[in-house]
């Protein structure tokens, strides 16, 4: 059903007022993420964790920790840690 310009403007103004006066409620933040957004968020967090881990390993190597020690901390061998995080 076509609306007049005045009706469209009135509706837009009502929506703008509702947006500007909105006060979040405690339950507003409990909604589950849509599945695709959950995957994107998990991928972002994994990438950030990998970046943090690589930086921590670099600092540990600067502090003279061995690849064996780092491998143990990672739950792998020192050689596997060196291959993954060592400088080529």
N, C-alpha and C. Protein backbone atom coordinates (compact mmCIF):
# COMPACT_ATOMS: atom_id res chain seq x y z
N UNK A 1 0.85 -1.17 0.00
CA UNK A 1 0.00 0.00 0.00
C UNK A 1 0.90 1.24 0.00
N UNK A 2 0.77 2.11 -0.98
CA UNK A 2 1.59 3.31 -1.04
C UNK A 2 1.32 4.24 0.13
N UNK A 3 2.36 4.88 0.58
CA UNK A 3 2.23 5.84 1.67
C UNK A 3 2.58 7.22 1.15
N UNK A 4 2.05 8.19 1.82
CA UNK A 4 2.38 9.56 1.43
C UNK A 4 3.74 9.93 2.00
N UNK A 5 4.32 10.96 1.46
CA UNK A 5 5.60 11.44 1.95
C UNK A 5 5.49 11.84 3.41
N UNK A 6 4.40 12.46 3.79
CA UNK A 6 4.20 12.87 5.18
C UNK A 6 4.16 11.66 6.11
N UNK A 7 3.55 10.56 5.67
CA UNK A 7 3.49 9.35 6.49
C UNK A 7 4.88 8.72 6.62
N UNK A 8 5.63 8.70 5.53
CA UNK A 8 6.98 8.16 5.58
C UNK A 8 7.87 8.98 6.53
N UNK A 9 7.76 10.28 6.46
CA UNK A 9 8.55 11.15 7.34
C UNK A 9 8.14 10.96 8.79
N UNK A 10 6.84 10.86 9.06
CA UNK A 10 6.37 10.65 10.42
C UNK A 10 6.87 9.31 10.97
N UNK A 11 6.86 8.28 10.14
CA UNK A 11 7.35 6.97 10.56
C UNK A 11 8.85 7.03 10.82
N UNK A 12 9.60 7.68 9.96
CA UNK A 12 11.04 7.83 10.15
C UNK A 12 11.34 8.60 11.43
N UNK A 13 10.58 9.64 11.70
CA UNK A 13 10.77 10.41 12.93
C UNK A 13 10.48 9.57 14.16
N UNK A 14 9.42 8.74 14.09
CA UNK A 14 9.08 7.87 15.22
C UNK A 14 10.19 6.85 15.46
N UNK A 15 10.73 6.28 14.39
CA UNK A 15 11.83 5.32 14.54
C UNK A 15 13.09 6.00 15.09
N UNK A 16 13.38 7.20 14.63
CA UNK A 16 14.55 7.94 15.13
C UNK A 16 14.38 8.25 16.61
N UNK A 17 13.19 8.65 17.02
CA UNK A 17 12.94 8.93 18.44
C UNK A 17 13.12 7.66 19.28
N UNK A 18 12.59 6.54 18.79
CA UNK A 18 12.72 5.28 19.52
C UNK A 18 14.19 4.89 19.65
N UNK A 19 14.95 5.09 18.60
CA UNK A 19 16.38 4.77 18.62
C UNK A 19 17.13 5.66 19.60
N UNK A 20 16.87 6.95 19.55
CA UNK A 20 17.58 7.90 20.40
C UNK A 20 17.24 7.74 21.88
N UNK A 21 16.04 7.27 22.18
CA UNK A 21 15.60 7.14 23.56
C UNK A 21 15.71 5.72 24.10
N UNK A 22 16.30 4.83 23.33
CA UNK A 22 16.39 3.43 23.73
C UNK A 22 17.34 3.27 24.91
N UNK A 23 16.92 2.53 25.89
CA UNK A 23 17.76 2.17 27.04
C UNK A 23 17.90 0.65 27.04
N UNK A 24 19.11 0.14 26.90
CA UNK A 24 19.30 -1.32 26.89
C UNK A 24 18.78 -1.97 28.17
N UNK A 25 18.22 -3.14 28.00
CA UNK A 25 17.72 -3.93 29.12
C UNK A 25 18.70 -5.08 29.36
N UNK A 26 18.75 -5.61 30.59
CA UNK A 26 19.70 -6.70 30.88
C UNK A 26 19.59 -7.89 29.92
N UNK A 27 18.41 -8.26 29.51
CA UNK A 27 18.23 -9.40 28.63
C UNK A 27 18.65 -9.15 27.19
N UNK A 28 18.89 -7.90 26.82
CA UNK A 28 19.25 -7.57 25.45
C UNK A 28 20.57 -8.22 25.02
N UNK A 29 21.43 -8.50 25.95
CA UNK A 29 22.75 -9.02 25.62
C UNK A 29 22.85 -10.54 25.75
N UNK A 30 21.73 -11.20 26.02
CA UNK A 30 21.72 -12.64 26.22
C UNK A 30 21.32 -13.41 24.97
N UNK A 31 20.99 -12.72 23.91
CA UNK A 31 20.54 -13.41 22.70
C UNK A 31 21.72 -14.17 22.08
N UNK A 32 21.48 -15.39 21.61
CA UNK A 32 22.57 -16.14 20.97
C UNK A 32 22.96 -15.49 19.64
N UNK A 33 24.23 -15.67 19.28
CA UNK A 33 24.70 -15.16 17.99
C UNK A 33 24.14 -16.01 16.87
N UNK A 34 23.86 -15.40 15.73
CA UNK A 34 23.52 -16.23 14.56
C UNK A 34 24.72 -17.13 14.24
N UNK A 35 24.49 -18.33 13.74
CA UNK A 35 25.58 -19.29 13.53
C UNK A 35 26.76 -18.75 12.72
N UNK A 36 26.50 -18.04 11.64
CA UNK A 36 27.60 -17.53 10.83
C UNK A 36 28.42 -16.50 11.60
N UNK A 37 27.75 -15.65 12.37
CA UNK A 37 28.46 -14.66 13.17
C UNK A 37 29.29 -15.36 14.25
N UNK A 38 28.78 -16.45 14.82
CA UNK A 38 29.54 -17.21 15.82
C UNK A 38 30.81 -17.79 15.21
N UNK A 39 30.72 -18.27 13.97
CA UNK A 39 31.90 -18.81 13.28
C UNK A 39 32.91 -17.69 13.03
N UNK A 40 32.44 -16.55 12.55
CA UNK A 40 33.34 -15.42 12.30
C UNK A 40 34.01 -14.95 13.58
N UNK A 41 33.27 -14.88 14.66
CA UNK A 41 33.83 -14.45 15.94
C UNK A 41 34.88 -15.45 16.43
N UNK A 42 34.58 -16.73 16.32
CA UNK A 42 35.54 -17.76 16.75
C UNK A 42 36.81 -17.70 15.89
N UNK A 43 36.67 -17.47 14.60
CA UNK A 43 37.83 -17.38 13.71
C UNK A 43 38.68 -16.15 14.08
N UNK A 44 38.02 -15.05 14.38
CA UNK A 44 38.75 -13.84 14.80
C UNK A 44 39.51 -14.11 16.10
N UNK A 45 38.83 -14.74 17.05
CA UNK A 45 39.49 -15.02 18.33
C UNK A 45 40.67 -15.98 18.16
N UNK A 46 40.52 -16.97 17.28
CA UNK A 46 41.61 -17.90 17.03
C UNK A 46 42.80 -17.17 16.41
N UNK A 47 42.54 -16.31 15.44
CA UNK A 47 43.61 -15.55 14.80
C UNK A 47 44.32 -14.65 15.83
N UNK A 48 43.55 -14.02 16.71
CA UNK A 48 44.15 -13.17 17.73
C UNK A 48 44.98 -14.01 18.70
N UNK A 49 44.47 -15.19 19.07
CA UNK A 49 45.22 -16.07 19.98
C UNK A 49 46.52 -16.53 19.33
N UNK A 50 46.49 -16.86 18.05
CA UNK A 50 47.72 -17.26 17.33
C UNK A 50 48.72 -16.12 17.31
N UNK A 51 48.24 -14.91 17.09
CA UNK A 51 49.13 -13.74 17.09
C UNK A 51 49.75 -13.55 18.48
N UNK A 52 48.92 -13.65 19.52
CA UNK A 52 49.42 -13.51 20.89
C UNK A 52 50.44 -14.61 21.22
N UNK A 53 50.16 -15.84 20.78
CA UNK A 53 51.05 -16.96 21.04
C UNK A 53 52.39 -16.76 20.34
N UNK A 54 52.36 -16.33 19.10
CA UNK A 54 53.60 -16.09 18.36
C UNK A 54 54.43 -15.01 19.04
N UNK A 55 53.78 -13.97 19.53
CA UNK A 55 54.50 -12.91 20.23
C UNK A 55 55.09 -13.42 21.55
N UNK A 56 54.34 -14.23 22.27
CA UNK A 56 54.84 -14.79 23.53
C UNK A 56 56.03 -15.71 23.27
N UNK A 57 55.98 -16.48 22.22
CA UNK A 57 57.09 -17.37 21.89
C UNK A 57 58.32 -16.55 21.50
N UNK A 58 58.11 -15.49 20.76
CA UNK A 58 59.23 -14.61 20.39
C UNK A 58 59.89 -14.03 21.64
N UNK A 59 59.07 -13.59 22.57
CA UNK A 59 59.62 -13.04 23.82
C UNK A 59 60.34 -14.12 24.64
N UNK A 60 59.77 -15.32 24.64
CA UNK A 60 60.41 -16.42 25.36
C UNK A 60 61.76 -16.77 24.73
N UNK A 61 61.83 -16.76 23.41
CA UNK A 61 63.12 -17.03 22.74
C UNK A 61 64.12 -15.92 23.04
N UNK A 62 63.64 -14.67 23.08
CA UNK A 62 64.52 -13.55 23.45
C UNK A 62 65.07 -13.72 24.87
N UNK A 63 64.27 -14.38 25.71
CA UNK A 63 64.68 -14.64 27.10
C UNK A 63 65.48 -15.95 27.21
N UNK A 64 65.90 -16.49 26.07
CA UNK A 64 66.76 -17.67 26.00
C UNK A 64 66.08 -18.98 26.40
N UNK A 65 64.75 -19.08 26.35
CA UNK A 65 64.10 -20.37 26.57
C UNK A 65 64.35 -21.26 25.37
N UNK A 66 64.52 -22.53 25.62
CA UNK A 66 64.82 -23.47 24.53
C UNK A 66 63.54 -23.88 23.81
N UNK A 67 63.75 -24.39 22.58
CA UNK A 67 62.61 -24.90 21.83
C UNK A 67 61.99 -26.10 22.55
N UNK A 68 62.81 -26.87 23.24
CA UNK A 68 62.28 -28.00 24.01
C UNK A 68 61.31 -27.50 25.08
N UNK A 69 61.71 -26.47 25.83
CA UNK A 69 60.83 -25.92 26.86
C UNK A 69 59.53 -25.37 26.27
N UNK A 70 59.67 -24.68 25.14
CA UNK A 70 58.48 -24.12 24.50
C UNK A 70 57.59 -25.23 23.96
N UNK A 71 58.20 -26.26 23.39
CA UNK A 71 57.41 -27.38 22.90
C UNK A 71 56.62 -28.04 24.02
N UNK A 72 57.29 -28.22 25.18
CA UNK A 72 56.58 -28.80 26.33
C UNK A 72 55.41 -27.92 26.75
N UNK A 73 55.63 -26.60 26.75
CA UNK A 73 54.56 -25.69 27.14
C UNK A 73 53.38 -25.74 26.17
N UNK A 74 53.69 -26.04 24.91
CA UNK A 74 52.65 -26.12 23.88
C UNK A 74 52.03 -27.50 23.76
N UNK A 75 52.64 -28.48 24.43
CA UNK A 75 52.14 -29.84 24.32
C UNK A 75 52.61 -30.54 23.06
N UNK A 76 53.79 -30.17 22.61
CA UNK A 76 54.36 -30.77 21.41
C UNK A 76 55.86 -30.89 21.59
N UNK A 77 56.55 -31.28 20.56
CA UNK A 77 58.00 -31.39 20.66
C UNK A 77 58.64 -30.02 20.42
N UNK A 78 59.88 -29.91 20.86
CA UNK A 78 60.63 -28.69 20.60
C UNK A 78 60.83 -28.47 19.11
N UNK A 79 61.07 -29.54 18.37
CA UNK A 79 61.27 -29.44 16.93
C UNK A 79 60.01 -28.94 16.23
N UNK A 80 58.86 -29.45 16.65
CA UNK A 80 57.59 -29.00 16.06
C UNK A 80 57.35 -27.52 16.37
N UNK A 81 57.68 -27.11 17.59
CA UNK A 81 57.52 -25.70 17.95
C UNK A 81 58.45 -24.83 17.11
N UNK A 82 59.69 -25.28 16.94
CA UNK A 82 60.66 -24.51 16.14
C UNK A 82 60.20 -24.40 14.70
N UNK A 83 59.68 -25.51 14.15
CA UNK A 83 59.24 -25.48 12.76
C UNK A 83 58.06 -24.53 12.58
N UNK A 84 57.20 -24.49 13.56
CA UNK A 84 56.01 -23.64 13.41
C UNK A 84 56.29 -22.18 13.72
N UNK A 85 57.08 -21.90 14.75
CA UNK A 85 57.24 -20.53 15.21
C UNK A 85 58.64 -19.96 15.00
N UNK A 86 59.57 -20.78 14.55
CA UNK A 86 60.93 -20.30 14.34
C UNK A 86 61.03 -19.43 13.11
N UNK A 87 62.04 -18.61 13.09
CA UNK A 87 62.29 -17.76 11.93
C UNK A 87 62.92 -18.61 10.84
N UNK A 88 62.43 -18.47 9.65
CA UNK A 88 62.91 -19.29 8.53
C UNK A 88 64.32 -18.93 8.14
